[in-house]
Amino acid sequence: MNAGLWSRVNRTAAWLLILFLVLPALVAIPVSLTPRRFLSMPRGEYSLRHFEALFASPAWMSSFAQSAIIAVSAALLATVLGTLCAIGLWRIASRAAEAVRALLLIPLVVPPIISAFAFYRLFVPMGLIDTYAGIILAHAVLGTPLVLIAVSASLAGFDPKLEQASRSLGASNWTTMRRVILPSIRPGVLAGAIFAFITSWDEIVITLFITRFSVFTLPRRMWNGVRENTDPTTAAAAVVLLAITAVVFIGWMILQRRATRALSQTGD
């Protein structure tokens, strides 16, 4: 099999896998347009009544706002922690650093239900159950490994001689990080921040464990909507959730391309 044919096979397999993962989620789009009062596929008639009910509902709008605040806050905290950890481990570059890196990646491999139980047992004596601080900390812990991976990938292509040149010219550690390292790894930092945001925006398992009445994120309200009744407004909320996630991801891809283009032009 020649290289061209192998490349086409890989490309086709990748698109089939993407369609397999994405198409089931797109079922929410026609369901959200049903004119009926229960979850069903529309049959010749379409209606936007459920989107109108969604945006006219104070409860749903409150959940949108809470999810946005929590996701942005968790993403910022995870970005700071993950970036600092990645730079620190990159500078150490030893077996101990690799052990620490593996430890920091544990939240990615531990089942969400176990993480949820661990957060619940930890937060109860600390008084963080059903608080914004508790849910932001939990989501930041989930997002930090993603930032660590993205930033570490950017640091793998960073030339250490740039840091050495900055230090030899009298720049402090903070100045070197702010003016040399961070601009060079900006695409990785941005990618990690977006992945941390999406992780927090869609998270449901841990949220169900550590929230009760005060914090009601959008995924939790959708869960209650499906469990307690069959209101198609839940499908409309799912469509909006998918749209926001897609916009954030496409925005990241655009910024990534611009950054890559700018770096290539700088190199030329």
C-alpha atoms as a PDB file:
ATOM      1  CA  MET A   1       0.000   0.000   0.000  1.00  0.00           C
ATOM      2  CA  ASN A   2       1.551   3.297  -1.087  1.00  0.00           C
ATOM      3  CA  ALA A   3       1.778   6.374   1.135  1.00  0.00           C
ATOM      4  CA  GLY A   4      -1.005   8.280  -0.700  1.00  0.00           C
ATOM      5  CA  LEU A   5      -3.535   5.452  -0.354  1.00  0.00           C
ATOM      6  CA  TRP A   6      -2.597   4.900   3.298  1.00  0.00           C
ATOM      7  CA  SER A   7      -3.100   8.604   3.976  1.00  0.00           C
ATOM      8  CA  ARG A   8      -6.578   8.543   2.381  1.00  0.00           C
ATOM      9  CA  VAL A   9      -7.539   5.464   4.418  1.00  0.00           C
ATOM     10  CA  ASN A  10      -6.431   7.168   7.648  1.00  0.00           C
ATOM     11  CA  ARG A  11      -8.330  10.337   6.717  1.00  0.00           C
ATOM     12  CA  THR A  12     -11.492   8.380   5.927  1.00  0.00           C
ATOM     13  CA  ALA A  13     -11.251   6.385   9.152  1.00  0.00           C
ATOM     14  CA  ALA A  14     -10.780   9.587  11.144  1.00  0.00           C
ATOM     15  CA  TRP A  15     -13.883  11.183   9.609  1.00  0.00           C
ATOM     16  CA  LEU A  16     -15.945   8.042  10.218  1.00  0.00           C
ATOM     17  CA  LEU A  17     -14.861   8.057  13.849  1.00  0.00           C
ATOM     18  CA  ILE A  18     -15.758  11.752  14.188  1.00  0.00           C
ATOM     19  CA  LEU A  19     -19.197  11.119  12.674  1.00  0.00           C
ATOM     20  CA  PHE A  20     -19.733   8.145  14.993  1.00  0.00           C
ATOM     21  CA  LEU A  21     -19.002  10.354  18.008  1.00  0.00           C
ATOM     22  CA  VAL A  22     -20.841  13.487  16.856  1.00  0.00           C
ATOM     23  CA  LEU A  23     -23.972  12.282  15.064  1.00  0.00           C
ATOM     24  CA  PRO A  24     -25.759  10.910  18.186  1.00  0.00           C
ATOM     25  CA  ALA A  25     -25.463  14.318  19.843  1.00  0.00           C
ATOM     26  CA  LEU A  26     -27.020  15.992  16.804  1.00  0.00           C
ATOM     27  CA  VAL A  27     -30.286  14.145  17.441  1.00  0.00           C
ATOM     28  CA  ALA A  28     -31.078  16.900  19.948  1.00  0.00           C
ATOM     29  CA  ILE A  29     -31.486  19.393  17.081  1.00  0.00           C
ATOM     30  CA  PRO A  30     -34.634  17.923  15.468  1.00  0.00           C
ATOM     31  CA  VAL A  31     -36.051  16.961  18.881  1.00  0.00           C
ATOM     32  CA  SER A  32     -35.747  20.583  20.015  1.00  0.00           C
ATOM     33  CA  LEU A  33     -37.873  21.652  17.040  1.00  0.00           C
ATOM     34  CA  THR A  34     -40.833  19.393  17.808  1.00  0.00           C
ATOM     35  CA  PRO A  35     -44.176  21.195  18.292  1.00  0.00           C
ATOM     36  CA  ARG A  36     -45.262  18.664  20.927  1.00  0.00           C
ATOM     37  CA  ARG A  37     -44.954  18.978  24.693  1.00  0.00           C
ATOM     38  CA  PHE A  38     -42.873  15.828  25.122  1.00  0.00           C
ATOM     39  CA  LEU A  39     -39.606  14.552  23.676  1.00  0.00           C
ATOM     40  CA  SER A  40     -40.291  13.317  20.158  1.00  0.00           C
ATOM     41  CA  MET A  41     -39.063  13.618  16.595  1.00  0.00           C
ATOM     42  CA  PRO A  42     -40.995  16.204  14.546  1.00  0.00           C
ATOM     43  CA  ARG A  43     -43.144  14.822  11.739  1.00  0.00           C
ATOM     44  CA  GLY A  44     -43.573  17.477   9.104  1.00  0.00           C
ATOM     45  CA  GLU A  45     -44.119  20.300  11.595  1.00  0.00           C
ATOM     46  CA  TYR A  46     -41.429  22.337  13.302  1.00  0.00           C
ATOM     47  CA  SER A  47     -41.621  24.891  16.089  1.00  0.00           C
ATOM     48  CA  LEU A  48     -39.280  27.195  18.018  1.00  0.00           C
ATOM     49  CA  ARG A  49     -41.596  27.286  21.020  1.00  0.00           C
ATOM     50  CA  HIS A  50     -39.146  25.357  23.200  1.00  0.00           C
ATOM     51  CA  PHE A  51     -36.319  27.783  22.462  1.00  0.00           C
ATOM     52  CA  GLU A  52     -38.680  30.632  23.372  1.00  0.00           C
ATOM     53  CA  ALA A  53     -39.540  28.845  26.628  1.00  0.00           C
ATOM     54  CA  LEU A  54     -35.847  28.298  27.293  1.00  0.00           C
ATOM     55  CA  PHE A  55     -34.805  31.935  26.935  1.00  0.00           C
ATOM     56  CA  ALA A  56     -37.927  33.180  28.732  1.00  0.00           C
ATOM     57  CA  SER A  57     -37.320  30.971  31.774  1.00  0.00           C
ATOM     58  CA  PRO A  58     -35.479  32.641  34.703  1.00  0.00           C
ATOM     59  CA  ALA A  59     -34.451  29.207  35.993  1.00  0.00           C
ATOM     60  CA  TRP A  60     -32.794  28.171  32.729  1.00  0.00           C
ATOM     61  CA  MET A  61     -31.119  31.556  32.289  1.00  0.00           C
ATOM     62  CA  SER A  62     -29.797  31.363  35.841  1.00  0.00           C
ATOM     63  CA  SER A  63     -28.291  27.962  35.081  1.00  0.00           C
ATOM     64  CA  PHE A  64     -26.630  29.343  31.936  1.00  0.00           C
ATOM     65  CA  ALA A  65     -25.118  32.181  33.964  1.00  0.00           C
ATOM     66  CA  GLN A  66     -23.949  29.881  36.763  1.00  0.00           C
ATOM     67  CA  SER A  67     -22.331  27.458  34.311  1.00  0.00           C
ATOM     68  CA  ALA A  68     -20.559  30.325  32.538  1.00  0.00           C
ATOM     69  CA  ILE A  69     -19.215  31.798  35.785  1.00  0.00           C
ATOM     70  CA  ILE A  70     -18.051  28.422  37.064  1.00  0.00           C
ATOM     71  CA  ALA A  71     -16.499  27.357  33.734  1.00  0.00           C
ATOM     72  CA  VAL A  72     -14.600  30.621  33.248  1.00  0.00           C
ATOM     73  CA  SER A  73     -13.352  30.669  36.845  1.00  0.00           C
ATOM     74  CA  ALA A  74     -12.331  27.001  36.788  1.00  0.00           C
ATOM     75  CA  ALA A  75     -10.601  27.435  33.420  1.00  0.00           C
ATOM     76  CA  LEU A  76      -8.611  30.443  34.664  1.00  0.00           C
ATOM     77  CA  LEU A  77      -7.521  28.621  37.815  1.00  0.00           C
ATOM     78  CA  ALA A  78      -6.656  25.450  35.899  1.00  0.00           C
ATOM     79  CA  THR A  79      -4.717  27.448  33.306  1.00  0.00           C
ATOM     80  CA  VAL A  80      -2.580  29.162  35.926  1.00  0.00           C
ATOM     81  CA  LEU A  81      -1.899  25.947  37.855  1.00  0.00           C
ATOM     82  CA  GLY A  82      -1.348  23.778  34.779  1.00  0.00           C
ATOM     83  CA  THR A  83       0.957  26.293  33.096  1.00  0.00           C
ATOM     84  CA  LEU A  84       3.096  26.794  36.196  1.00  0.00           C
ATOM     85  CA  CYS A  85       3.312  23.036  36.755  1.00  0.00           C
ATOM     86  CA  ALA A  86       4.283  22.406  33.124  1.00  0.00           C
ATOM     87  CA  ILE A  87       7.026  25.054  33.185  1.00  0.00           C
ATOM     88  CA  GLY A  88       8.332  23.837  36.536  1.00  0.00           C
ATOM     89  CA  LEU A  89       8.472  20.196  35.430  1.00  0.00           C
ATOM     90  CA  TRP A  90      10.056  21.239  32.120  1.00  0.00           C
ATOM     91  CA  ARG A  91      12.836  23.045  33.966  1.00  0.00           C
ATOM     92  CA  ILE A  92      13.509  20.171  36.349  1.00  0.00           C
ATOM     93  CA  ALA A  93      13.479  17.451  33.645  1.00  0.00           C
ATOM     94  CA  SER A  94      14.228  14.486  35.895  1.00  0.00           C
ATOM     95  CA  ARG A  95      12.692  11.172  36.866  1.00  0.00           C
ATOM     96  CA  ALA A  96      11.123  12.832  39.884  1.00  0.00           C
ATOM     97  CA  ALA A  97       9.519  15.382  37.588  1.00  0.00           C
ATOM     98  CA  GLU A  98       8.057  12.611  35.423  1.00  0.00           C
ATOM     99  CA  ALA A  99       6.657  10.945  38.545  1.00  0.00           C
ATOM    100  CA  VAL A 100       5.036  14.217  39.560  1.00  0.00           C
ATOM    101  CA  ARG A 101       3.656  14.631  36.034  1.00  0.00           C
ATOM    102  CA  ALA A 102       2.109  11.155  36.176  1.00  0.00           C
ATOM    103  CA  LEU A 103       0.578  12.016  39.562  1.00  0.00           C
ATOM    104  CA  LEU A 104      -0.940  15.210  38.183  1.00  0.00           C
ATOM    105  CA  LEU A 105      -2.526  13.283  35.300  1.00  0.00           C
ATOM    106  CA  ILE A 106      -4.406  10.926  37.628  1.00  0.00           C
ATOM    107  CA  PRO A 107      -7.715  12.905  37.385  1.00  0.00           C
ATOM    108  CA  LEU A 108      -7.829  11.948  33.689  1.00  0.00           C
ATOM    109  CA  VAL A 109      -7.787   8.186  34.363  1.00  0.00           C
ATOM    110  CA  VAL A 110      -9.795   7.963  37.584  1.00  0.00           C
ATOM    111  CA  PRO A 111     -13.497   7.231  36.880  1.00  0.00           C
ATOM    112  CA  PRO A 112     -15.647  10.352  37.445  1.00  0.00           C
ATOM    113  CA  ILE A 113     -17.821   8.586  40.024  1.00  0.00           C
ATOM    114  CA  ILE A 114     -14.764   7.882  42.189  1.00  0.00           C
ATOM    115  CA  SER A 115     -13.564  11.466  41.851  1.00  0.00           C
ATOM    116  CA  ALA A 116     -17.036  12.675  42.777  1.00  0.00           C
ATOM    117  CA  PHE A 117     -17.085  10.554  45.932  1.00  0.00           C
ATOM    118  CA  ALA A 118     -13.575  11.755  46.853  1.00  0.00           C
ATOM    119  CA  PHE A 119     -14.557  15.413  46.432  1.00  0.00           C
ATOM    120  CA  TYR A 120     -17.689  14.855  48.493  1.00  0.00           C
ATOM    121  CA  ARG A 121     -15.765  13.301  51.392  1.00  0.00           C
ATOM    122  CA  LEU A 122     -13.155  16.068  51.227  1.00  0.00           C
ATOM    123  CA  PHE A 123     -15.559  19.004  50.923  1.00  0.00           C
ATOM    124  CA  VAL A 124     -18.063  18.018  53.628  1.00  0.00           C
ATOM    125  CA  PRO A 125     -15.800  18.856  56.612  1.00  0.00           C
ATOM    126  CA  MET A 126     -14.515  21.941  54.775  1.00  0.00           C
ATOM    127  CA  GLY A 127     -18.018  23.346  54.248  1.00  0.00           C
ATOM    128  CA  LEU A 128     -17.602  23.513  50.461  1.00  0.00           C
ATOM    129  CA  ILE A 129     -20.625  21.409  49.532  1.00  0.00           C
ATOM    130  CA  ASP A 130     -23.135  23.327  47.389  1.00  0.00           C
ATOM    131  CA  THR A 131     -20.863  26.366  47.050  1.00  0.00           C
ATOM    132  CA  TYR A 132     -19.353  28.111  44.058  1.00  0.00           C
ATOM    133  CA  ALA A 133     -15.886  27.771  45.574  1.00  0.00           C
ATOM    134  CA  GLY A 134     -16.264  24.003  45.914  1.00  0.00           C
ATOM    135  CA  ILE A 135     -17.500  23.383  42.371  1.00  0.00           C
ATOM    136  CA  ILE A 136     -14.871  25.724  40.885  1.00  0.00           C
ATOM    137  CA  LEU A 137     -12.076  23.931  42.763  1.00  0.00           C
ATOM    138  CA  ALA A 138     -13.371  20.521  41.675  1.00  0.00           C
ATOM    139  CA  HIS A 139     -13.647  21.548  38.034  1.00  0.00           C
ATOM    140  CA  ALA A 140     -10.203  23.183  38.174  1.00  0.00           C
ATOM    141  CA  VAL A 141      -8.724  19.889  39.369  1.00  0.00           C
ATOM    142  CA  LEU A 142     -10.277  18.179  36.337  1.00  0.00           C
ATOM    143  CA  GLY A 143      -9.024  20.849  33.942  1.00  0.00           C
ATOM    144  CA  THR A 144      -5.467  21.217  35.238  1.00  0.00           C
ATOM    145  CA  PRO A 145      -4.166  17.958  33.658  1.00  0.00           C
ATOM    146  CA  LEU A 146      -5.498  19.078  30.265  1.00  0.00           C
ATOM    147  CA  VAL A 147      -3.637  22.366  30.571  1.00  0.00           C
ATOM    148  CA  LEU A 148      -0.522  20.495  31.696  1.00  0.00           C
ATOM    149  CA  ILE A 149      -0.607  18.277  28.599  1.00  0.00           C
ATOM    150  CA  ALA A 150      -1.207  21.159  26.171  1.00  0.00           C
ATOM    151  CA  VAL A 151       1.477  23.413  27.657  1.00  0.00           C
ATOM    152  CA  SER A 152       3.982  20.547  27.927  1.00  0.00           C
ATOM    153  CA  ALA A 153       3.481  19.851  24.232  1.00  0.00           C
ATOM    154  CA  SER A 154       4.281  23.502  23.444  1.00  0.00           C
ATOM    155  CA  LEU A 155       7.329  23.454  25.707  1.00  0.00           C
ATOM    156  CA  ALA A 156       8.652  20.406  23.851  1.00  0.00           C
ATOM    157  CA  GLY A 157       9.250  22.669  20.855  1.00  0.00           C
ATOM    158  CA  PHE A 158      10.643  25.587  22.867  1.00  0.00           C
ATOM    159  CA  ASP A 159      14.356  26.327  22.414  1.00  0.00           C
ATOM    160  CA  PRO A 160      16.053  26.488  25.869  1.00  0.00           C
ATOM    161  CA  LYS A 161      18.701  28.767  24.368  1.00  0.00           C
ATOM    162  CA  LEU A 162      16.131  31.578  24.295  1.00  0.00           C
ATOM    163  CA  GLU A 163      15.755  31.354  28.063  1.00  0.00           C
ATOM    164  CA  GLN A 164      19.514  31.201  28.521  1.00  0.00           C
ATOM    165  CA  ALA A 165      19.966  34.265  26.329  1.00  0.00           C
ATOM    166  CA  SER A 166      17.366  36.175  28.330  1.00  0.00           C
ATOM    167  CA  ARG A 167      19.015  35.252  31.624  1.00  0.00           C
ATOM    168  CA  SER A 168      22.469  36.147  30.314  1.00  0.00           C
ATOM    169  CA  LEU A 169      21.184  39.619  29.407  1.00  0.00           C
ATOM    170  CA  GLY A 170      20.183  40.226  33.012  1.00  0.00           C
ATOM    171  CA  ALA A 171      16.464  39.394  32.920  1.00  0.00           C
ATOM    172  CA  SER A 172      14.940  37.991  36.087  1.00  0.00           C
ATOM    173  CA  ASN A 173      13.054  34.678  36.238  1.00  0.00           C
ATOM    174  CA  TRP A 174       9.697  36.476  36.151  1.00  0.00           C
ATOM    175  CA  THR A 175      10.712  38.696  33.230  1.00  0.00           C
ATOM    176  CA  THR A 176      12.024  35.704  31.293  1.00  0.00           C
ATOM    177  CA  MET A 177       8.799  33.800  31.863  1.00  0.00           C
ATOM    178  CA  ARG A 178       6.585  36.762  30.975  1.00  0.00           C
ATOM    179  CA  ARG A 179       8.458  38.004  27.890  1.00  0.00           C
ATOM    180  CA  VAL A 180      10.157  34.897  26.500  1.00  0.00           C
ATOM    181  CA  ILE A 181       8.558  31.632  27.628  1.00  0.00           C
ATOM    182  CA  LEU A 182       4.852  32.536  27.800  1.00  0.00           C
ATOM    183  CA  PRO A 183       4.703  34.230  24.356  1.00  0.00           C
ATOM    184  CA  SER A 184       6.362  31.172  22.819  1.00  0.00           C
ATOM    185  CA  ILE A 185       3.943  28.679  24.385  1.00  0.00           C
ATOM    186  CA  ARG A 186       0.815  30.855  24.038  1.00  0.00           C
ATOM    187  CA  PRO A 187      -0.964  28.411  21.662  1.00  0.00           C
ATOM    188  CA  GLY A 188      -0.585  25.597  24.195  1.00  0.00           C
ATOM    189  CA  VAL A 189      -1.792  27.779  27.071  1.00  0.00           C
ATOM    190  CA  LEU A 190      -4.809  28.891  25.054  1.00  0.00           C
ATOM    191  CA  ALA A 191      -5.622  25.320  24.018  1.00  0.00           C
ATOM    192  CA  GLY A 192      -5.404  24.114  27.618  1.00  0.00           C
ATOM    193  CA  ALA A 193      -7.654  26.956  28.798  1.00  0.00           C
ATOM    194  CA  ILE A 194     -10.301  26.117  26.197  1.00  0.00           C
ATOM    195  CA  PHE A 195     -10.231  22.402  27.017  1.00  0.00           C
ATOM    196  CA  ALA A 196     -10.528  23.219  30.729  1.00  0.00           C
ATOM    197  CA  PHE A 197     -13.489  25.515  29.978  1.00  0.00           C
ATOM    198  CA  ILE A 198     -15.279  22.851  27.927  1.00  0.00           C
ATOM    199  CA  THR A 199     -14.621  20.219  30.604  1.00  0.00           C
ATOM    200  CA  SER A 200     -16.190  22.402  33.294  1.00  0.00           C
ATOM    201  CA  TRP A 201     -19.025  23.539  31.026  1.00  0.00           C
ATOM    202  CA  ASP A 202     -20.148  19.944  30.322  1.00  0.00           C
ATOM    203  CA  GLU A 203     -19.350  18.289  33.668  1.00  0.00           C
ATOM    204  CA  ILE A 204     -22.273  16.594  35.447  1.00  0.00           C
ATOM    205  CA  VAL A 205     -21.178  13.633  37.630  1.00  0.00           C
ATOM    206  CA  ILE A 206     -19.136  15.559  40.199  1.00  0.00           C
ATOM    207  CA  THR A 207     -21.641  18.412  40.111  1.00  0.00           C
ATOM    208  CA  LEU A 208     -24.448  16.060  41.136  1.00  0.00           C
ATOM    209  CA  PHE A 209     -22.426  14.887  44.127  1.00  0.00           C
ATOM    210  CA  ILE A 210     -21.284  18.229  45.561  1.00  0.00           C
ATOM    211  CA  THR A 211     -24.256  20.504  44.807  1.00  0.00           C
ATOM    212  CA  ARG A 212     -27.746  20.599  46.286  1.00  0.00           C
ATOM    213  CA  PHE A 213     -29.887  23.704  45.942  1.00  0.00           C
ATOM    214  CA  SER A 214     -27.694  26.826  45.773  1.00  0.00           C
ATOM    215  CA  VAL A 215     -25.664  25.872  42.699  1.00  0.00           C
ATOM    216  CA  PHE A 216     -27.682  24.667  39.716  1.00  0.00           C
ATOM    217  CA  THR A 217     -25.505  24.406  36.603  1.00  0.00           C
ATOM    218  CA  LEU A 218     -26.926  23.905  33.130  1.00  0.00           C
ATOM    219  CA  PRO A 219     -25.983  20.176  32.832  1.00  0.00           C
ATOM    220  CA  ARG A 220     -27.577  19.541  36.223  1.00  0.00           C
ATOM    221  CA  ARG A 221     -30.803  21.272  35.219  1.00  0.00           C
ATOM    222  CA  MET A 222     -30.832  19.278  31.983  1.00  0.00           C
ATOM    223  CA  TRP A 223     -30.369  16.087  33.988  1.00  0.00           C
ATOM    224  CA  ASN A 224     -33.304  16.973  36.225  1.00  0.00           C
ATOM    225  CA  GLY A 225     -35.388  17.879  33.163  1.00  0.00           C
ATOM    226  CA  VAL A 226     -34.865  14.447  31.620  1.00  0.00           C
ATOM    227  CA  ARG A 227     -35.278  12.551  34.889  1.00  0.00           C
ATOM    228  CA  GLU A 228     -38.355  14.314  36.245  1.00  0.00           C
ATOM    229  CA  ASN A 229     -40.244  15.041  33.012  1.00  0.00           C
ATOM    230  CA  THR A 230     -39.888  14.880  29.232  1.00  0.00           C
ATOM    231  CA  ASP A 231     -39.903  18.590  28.464  1.00  0.00           C
ATOM    232  CA  PRO A 232     -38.329  19.288  25.007  1.00  0.00           C
ATOM    233  CA  THR A 233     -36.895  22.487  26.509  1.00  0.00           C
ATOM    234  CA  THR A 234     -34.103  20.203  27.690  1.00  0.00           C
ATOM    235  CA  ALA A 235     -33.321  19.368  24.052  1.00  0.00           C
ATOM    236  CA  ALA A 236     -33.293  23.077  23.209  1.00  0.00           C
ATOM    237  CA  ALA A 237     -30.817  23.656  26.050  1.00  0.00           C
ATOM    238  CA  ALA A 238     -28.686  20.789  24.701  1.00  0.00           C
ATOM    239  CA  VAL A 239     -28.597  22.453  21.272  1.00  0.00           C
ATOM    240  CA  VAL A 240     -27.479  25.745  22.803  1.00  0.00           C
ATOM    241  CA  LEU A 241     -24.853  23.874  24.828  1.00  0.00           C
ATOM    242  CA  LEU A 242     -23.544  22.174  21.694  1.00  0.00           C
ATOM    243  CA  ALA A 243     -23.489  25.489  19.836  1.00  0.00           C
ATOM    244  CA  ILE A 244     -21.472  27.230  22.570  1.00  0.00           C
ATOM    245  CA  THR A 245     -19.005  24.338  22.733  1.00  0.00           C
ATOM    246  CA  ALA A 246     -18.629  24.351  18.941  1.00  0.00           C
ATOM    247  CA  VAL A 247     -18.088  28.127  18.841  1.00  0.00           C
ATOM    248  CA  VAL A 248     -15.397  27.916  21.533  1.00  0.00           C
ATOM    249  CA  PHE A 249     -13.652  25.049  19.752  1.00  0.00           C
ATOM    250  CA  ILE A 250     -13.802  26.703  16.316  1.00  0.00           C
ATOM    251  CA  GLY A 251     -12.527  29.955  17.848  1.00  0.00           C
ATOM    252  CA  TRP A 252      -9.583  28.051  19.297  1.00  0.00           C
ATOM    253  CA  MET A 253      -8.815  26.501  15.903  1.00  0.00           C
ATOM    254  CA  ILE A 254      -8.865  29.927  14.243  1.00  0.00           C
ATOM    255  CA  LEU A 255      -6.575  31.422  16.873  1.00  0.00           C
ATOM    256  CA  GLN A 256      -4.292  28.391  16.601  1.00  0.00           C
ATOM    257  CA  ARG A 257      -3.954  28.857  12.850  1.00  0.00           C
ATOM    258  CA  ARG A 258      -3.255  32.566  13.218  1.00  0.00           C
ATOM    259  CA  ALA A 259      -0.613  31.885  15.853  1.00  0.00           C
ATOM    260  CA  THR A 260       1.024  29.221  13.686  1.00  0.00           C
ATOM    261  CA  ARG A 261       0.988  31.561  10.687  1.00  0.00           C
ATOM    262  CA  ALA A 262       2.494  34.396  12.733  1.00  0.00           C
ATOM    263  CA  LEU A 263       5.276  32.129  14.013  1.00  0.00           C
ATOM    264  CA  SER A 264       6.045  30.907  10.501  1.00  0.00           C
ATOM    265  CA  GLN A 265       6.228  34.474   9.191  1.00  0.00           C
ATOM    266  CA  THR A 266       8.495  35.429  12.082  1.00  0.00           C
ATOM    267  CA  GLY A 267      10.765  32.519  11.272  1.00  0.00           C
ATOM    268  CA  ASP A 268      10.947  33.583   7.654  1.00  0.00           C
END
